[in-house]
């Protein structure tokens, strides 16, 4: 059993990036679209989510879970519904701490950078929309 753990560690350490192995190259993101005035879910809205690798996902349920590819850049979410406008347009990404292990073995970091696994996104996004009122 001890030897098996050493072999798994050696494969991770010498052949590929640790973040790629342990964190993967995709991530599930939970998305909620809420009305800013009531903080209630907005039914009937459509959101387009774009990941940094060029993937585009159409979301028609609220709340929703989407599996996106990790990459170098932000997730962009644009939601629409008649009578509403979106207040926030993009959310950021952050560094995956698992990649720090590759400081000792820099080729592993290259693998993580190519796969996008060195990044992680927040697991939940709340998209705020406000009702458009008529002009007086």
C-alpha atoms as a PDB file:
ATOM      1  CA  UNK A   1       0.000   0.000   0.000  1.00  0.00           C
ATOM      2  CA  UNK A   2       2.862   2.372   0.862  1.00  0.00           C
ATOM      3  CA  UNK A   3       4.613   1.572  -2.424  1.00  0.00           C
ATOM      4  CA  UNK A   4       1.412   2.286  -4.365  1.00  0.00           C
ATOM      5  CA  UNK A   5       1.259   5.795  -2.872  1.00  0.00           C
ATOM      6  CA  UNK A   6       4.884   6.433  -3.821  1.00  0.00           C
ATOM      7  CA  UNK A   7       4.233   5.338  -7.417  1.00  0.00           C
ATOM      8  CA  UNK A   8       1.153   7.586  -7.703  1.00  0.00           C
ATOM      9  CA  UNK A   9       3.106  10.536  -6.309  1.00  0.00           C
ATOM     10  CA  UNK A  10       6.000   9.891  -8.717  1.00  0.00           C
ATOM     11  CA  UNK A  11       3.660   9.785 -11.718  1.00  0.00           C
ATOM     12  CA  UNK A  12       2.025  13.046 -10.644  1.00  0.00           C
ATOM     13  CA  UNK A  13       5.307  14.712  -9.865  1.00  0.00           C
ATOM     14  CA  UNK A  14       7.410  13.655 -12.840  1.00  0.00           C
ATOM     15  CA  UNK A  15       5.016  13.060 -15.724  1.00  0.00           C
ATOM     16  CA  UNK A  16       2.325  15.680 -15.460  1.00  0.00           C
ATOM     17  CA  UNK A  17       1.165  18.759 -13.596  1.00  0.00           C
ATOM     18  CA  UNK A  18      -0.211  18.129 -10.153  1.00  0.00           C
ATOM     19  CA  UNK A  19      -3.113  20.545 -10.573  1.00  0.00           C
ATOM     20  CA  UNK A  20      -4.078  18.769 -13.803  1.00  0.00           C
ATOM     21  CA  UNK A  21      -4.084  15.421 -12.008  1.00  0.00           C
ATOM     22  CA  UNK A  22      -5.775  16.493  -8.770  1.00  0.00           C
ATOM     23  CA  UNK A  23      -8.057  19.348  -9.873  1.00  0.00           C
ATOM     24  CA  UNK A  24      -8.818  18.463 -13.492  1.00  0.00           C
ATOM     25  CA  UNK A  25      -9.244  20.680 -16.524  1.00  0.00           C
ATOM     26  CA  UNK A  26     -12.931  21.446 -16.029  1.00  0.00           C
ATOM     27  CA  UNK A  27     -15.041  22.726 -13.149  1.00  0.00           C
ATOM     28  CA  UNK A  28     -18.723  22.864 -12.213  1.00  0.00           C
ATOM     29  CA  UNK A  29     -20.111  26.340 -11.611  1.00  0.00           C
ATOM     30  CA  UNK A  30     -23.450  27.069  -9.918  1.00  0.00           C
ATOM     31  CA  UNK A  31     -25.267  30.068 -11.409  1.00  0.00           C
ATOM     32  CA  UNK A  32     -28.209  31.991  -9.960  1.00  0.00           C
ATOM     33  CA  UNK A  33     -29.910  34.992 -11.532  1.00  0.00           C
ATOM     34  CA  UNK A  34     -31.703  37.245  -9.040  1.00  0.00           C
ATOM     35  CA  UNK A  35     -33.753  40.429  -9.074  1.00  0.00           C
ATOM     36  CA  UNK A  36     -31.838  43.134  -7.198  1.00  0.00           C
ATOM     37  CA  UNK A  37     -34.970  44.584  -5.615  1.00  0.00           C
ATOM     38  CA  UNK A  38     -36.476  41.342  -4.294  1.00  0.00           C
ATOM     39  CA  UNK A  39     -33.466  38.987  -4.280  1.00  0.00           C
ATOM     40  CA  UNK A  40     -35.769  36.342  -5.840  1.00  0.00           C
ATOM     41  CA  UNK A  41     -34.819  34.081  -8.742  1.00  0.00           C
ATOM     42  CA  UNK A  42     -35.812  35.450 -12.154  1.00  0.00           C
ATOM     43  CA  UNK A  43     -37.711  32.828 -14.145  1.00  0.00           C
ATOM     44  CA  UNK A  44     -37.560  32.751 -17.928  1.00  0.00           C
ATOM     45  CA  UNK A  45     -34.159  34.372 -18.333  1.00  0.00           C
ATOM     46  CA  UNK A  46     -31.513  33.117 -20.756  1.00  0.00           C
ATOM     47  CA  UNK A  47     -27.806  33.338 -19.997  1.00  0.00           C
ATOM     48  CA  UNK A  48     -24.845  32.764 -22.291  1.00  0.00           C
ATOM     49  CA  UNK A  49     -21.671  31.732 -20.479  1.00  0.00           C
ATOM     50  CA  UNK A  50     -18.337  31.939 -22.328  1.00  0.00           C
ATOM     51  CA  UNK A  51     -15.203  30.293 -20.963  1.00  0.00           C
ATOM     52  CA  UNK A  52     -11.661  31.413 -21.837  1.00  0.00           C
ATOM     53  CA  UNK A  53     -11.097  28.411 -24.134  1.00  0.00           C
ATOM     54  CA  UNK A  54     -13.909  29.503 -26.460  1.00  0.00           C
ATOM     55  CA  UNK A  55     -16.659  27.308 -25.046  1.00  0.00           C
ATOM     56  CA  UNK A  56     -20.147  28.809 -25.082  1.00  0.00           C
ATOM     57  CA  UNK A  57     -22.982  27.474 -22.924  1.00  0.00           C
ATOM     58  CA  UNK A  58     -26.644  28.490 -23.061  1.00  0.00           C
ATOM     59  CA  UNK A  59     -28.440  28.404 -19.727  1.00  0.00           C
ATOM     60  CA  UNK A  60     -32.236  28.471 -19.644  1.00  0.00           C
ATOM     61  CA  UNK A  61     -32.916  27.233 -16.099  1.00  0.00           C
ATOM     62  CA  UNK A  62     -32.457  29.174 -12.890  1.00  0.00           C
ATOM     63  CA  UNK A  63     -30.550  28.135 -10.845  1.00  0.00           C
ATOM     64  CA  UNK A  64     -28.232  26.074 -13.065  1.00  0.00           C
ATOM     65  CA  UNK A  65     -24.994  24.102 -12.904  1.00  0.00           C
ATOM     66  CA  UNK A  66     -22.563  24.289 -15.839  1.00  0.00           C
ATOM     67  CA  UNK A  67     -19.318  22.363 -16.363  1.00  0.00           C
ATOM     68  CA  UNK A  68     -16.770  24.711 -17.969  1.00  0.00           C
ATOM     69  CA  UNK A  69     -13.208  24.249 -19.211  1.00  0.00           C
ATOM     70  CA  UNK A  70     -10.560  25.946 -17.095  1.00  0.00           C
ATOM     71  CA  UNK A  71      -8.312  28.418 -18.847  1.00  0.00           C
ATOM     72  CA  UNK A  72      -6.393  31.649 -18.647  1.00  0.00           C
ATOM     73  CA  UNK A  73      -9.026  34.333 -18.353  1.00  0.00           C
ATOM     74  CA  UNK A  74     -12.370  35.200 -16.881  1.00  0.00           C
ATOM     75  CA  UNK A  75     -15.742  33.561 -17.293  1.00  0.00           C
ATOM     76  CA  UNK A  76     -18.124  35.948 -19.067  1.00  0.00           C
ATOM     77  CA  UNK A  77     -21.851  35.623 -18.351  1.00  0.00           C
ATOM     78  CA  UNK A  78     -24.498  37.655 -20.178  1.00  0.00           C
ATOM     79  CA  UNK A  79     -28.142  37.202 -19.149  1.00  0.00           C
ATOM     80  CA  UNK A  80     -31.233  38.568 -20.836  1.00  0.00           C
ATOM     81  CA  UNK A  81     -34.913  38.774 -20.046  1.00  0.00           C
ATOM     82  CA  UNK A  82     -37.468  41.177 -21.399  1.00  0.00           C
ATOM     83  CA  UNK A  83     -38.020  44.014 -18.927  1.00  0.00           C
ATOM     84  CA  UNK A  84     -34.682  43.464 -17.133  1.00  0.00           C
ATOM     85  CA  UNK A  85     -31.065  44.515 -17.534  1.00  0.00           C
ATOM     86  CA  UNK A  86     -27.996  42.803 -16.141  1.00  0.00           C
ATOM     87  CA  UNK A  87     -25.903  44.787 -13.672  1.00  0.00           C
ATOM     88  CA  UNK A  88     -22.718  42.710 -13.598  1.00  0.00           C
ATOM     89  CA  UNK A  89     -21.038  41.443 -16.764  1.00  0.00           C
ATOM     90  CA  UNK A  90     -18.008  39.309 -15.833  1.00  0.00           C
ATOM     91  CA  UNK A  91     -16.499  37.422 -12.961  1.00  0.00           C
ATOM     92  CA  UNK A  92     -12.841  36.658 -12.360  1.00  0.00           C
ATOM     93  CA  UNK A  93     -10.711  33.613 -11.872  1.00  0.00           C
ATOM     94  CA  UNK A  94      -8.127  32.736  -9.244  1.00  0.00           C
ATOM     95  CA  UNK A  95      -4.956  30.703  -8.824  1.00  0.00           C
ATOM     96  CA  UNK A  96      -5.254  26.980  -8.004  1.00  0.00           C
ATOM     97  CA  UNK A  97      -2.992  26.425  -4.975  1.00  0.00           C
ATOM     98  CA  UNK A  98      -2.339  22.802  -6.016  1.00  0.00           C
ATOM     99  CA  UNK A  99      -0.024  24.212  -8.690  1.00  0.00           C
ATOM    100  CA  UNK A 100       2.414  25.383  -5.993  1.00  0.00           C
ATOM    101  CA  UNK A 101       3.692  21.799  -5.773  1.00  0.00           C
ATOM    102  CA  UNK A 102       5.151  22.324  -9.254  1.00  0.00           C
ATOM    103  CA  UNK A 103       7.598  24.936  -7.963  1.00  0.00           C
ATOM    104  CA  UNK A 104       9.953  22.022  -7.333  1.00  0.00           C
ATOM    105  CA  UNK A 105       9.396  20.532 -10.798  1.00  0.00           C
ATOM    106  CA  UNK A 106       8.719  23.281 -13.366  1.00  0.00           C
ATOM    107  CA  UNK A 107       7.752  20.991 -16.308  1.00  0.00           C
ATOM    108  CA  UNK A 108       4.651  20.102 -14.286  1.00  0.00           C
ATOM    109  CA  UNK A 109       3.684  23.770 -14.223  1.00  0.00           C
ATOM    110  CA  UNK A 110       3.894  23.869 -18.025  1.00  0.00           C
ATOM    111  CA  UNK A 111       1.414  20.970 -18.176  1.00  0.00           C
ATOM    112  CA  UNK A 112      -0.901  22.796 -15.744  1.00  0.00           C
ATOM    113  CA  UNK A 113      -0.632  26.019 -17.761  1.00  0.00           C
ATOM    114  CA  UNK A 114      -1.459  24.291 -21.054  1.00  0.00           C
ATOM    115  CA  UNK A 115      -4.402  22.380 -19.553  1.00  0.00           C
ATOM    116  CA  UNK A 116      -5.719  25.440 -17.681  1.00  0.00           C
ATOM    117  CA  UNK A 117      -5.716  23.469 -14.420  1.00  0.00           C
ATOM    118  CA  UNK A 118      -3.596  26.100 -12.665  1.00  0.00           C
ATOM    119  CA  UNK A 119      -6.714  28.277 -12.479  1.00  0.00           C
ATOM    120  CA  UNK A 120      -9.940  27.768 -10.615  1.00  0.00           C
ATOM    121  CA  UNK A 121     -13.172  29.714 -10.698  1.00  0.00           C
ATOM    122  CA  UNK A 122     -15.498  30.501  -7.812  1.00  0.00           C
ATOM    123  CA  UNK A 123     -18.016  27.675  -7.419  1.00  0.00           C
ATOM    124  CA  UNK A 124     -21.039  30.030  -7.262  1.00  0.00           C
ATOM    125  CA  UNK A 125     -21.999  33.081  -9.276  1.00  0.00           C
ATOM    126  CA  UNK A 126     -24.957  35.330  -8.543  1.00  0.00           C
ATOM    127  CA  UNK A 127     -25.980  37.433 -11.516  1.00  0.00           C
ATOM    128  CA  UNK A 128     -27.906  40.541 -10.478  1.00  0.00           C
ATOM    129  CA  UNK A 129     -30.533  41.982 -12.795  1.00  0.00           C
ATOM    130  CA  UNK A 130     -32.786  44.957 -12.266  1.00  0.00           C
ATOM    131  CA  UNK A 131     -36.218  45.670 -13.616  1.00  0.00           C
ATOM    132  CA  UNK A 132     -36.294  48.387 -16.242  1.00  0.00           C
ATOM    133  CA  UNK A 133     -38.800  51.069 -15.312  1.00  0.00           C
ATOM    134  CA  UNK A 134     -40.605  53.263 -17.828  1.00  0.00           C
ATOM    135  CA  UNK A 135     -39.544  56.843 -18.460  1.00  0.00           C
ATOM    136  CA  UNK A 136     -41.642  59.610 -16.882  1.00  0.00           C
END
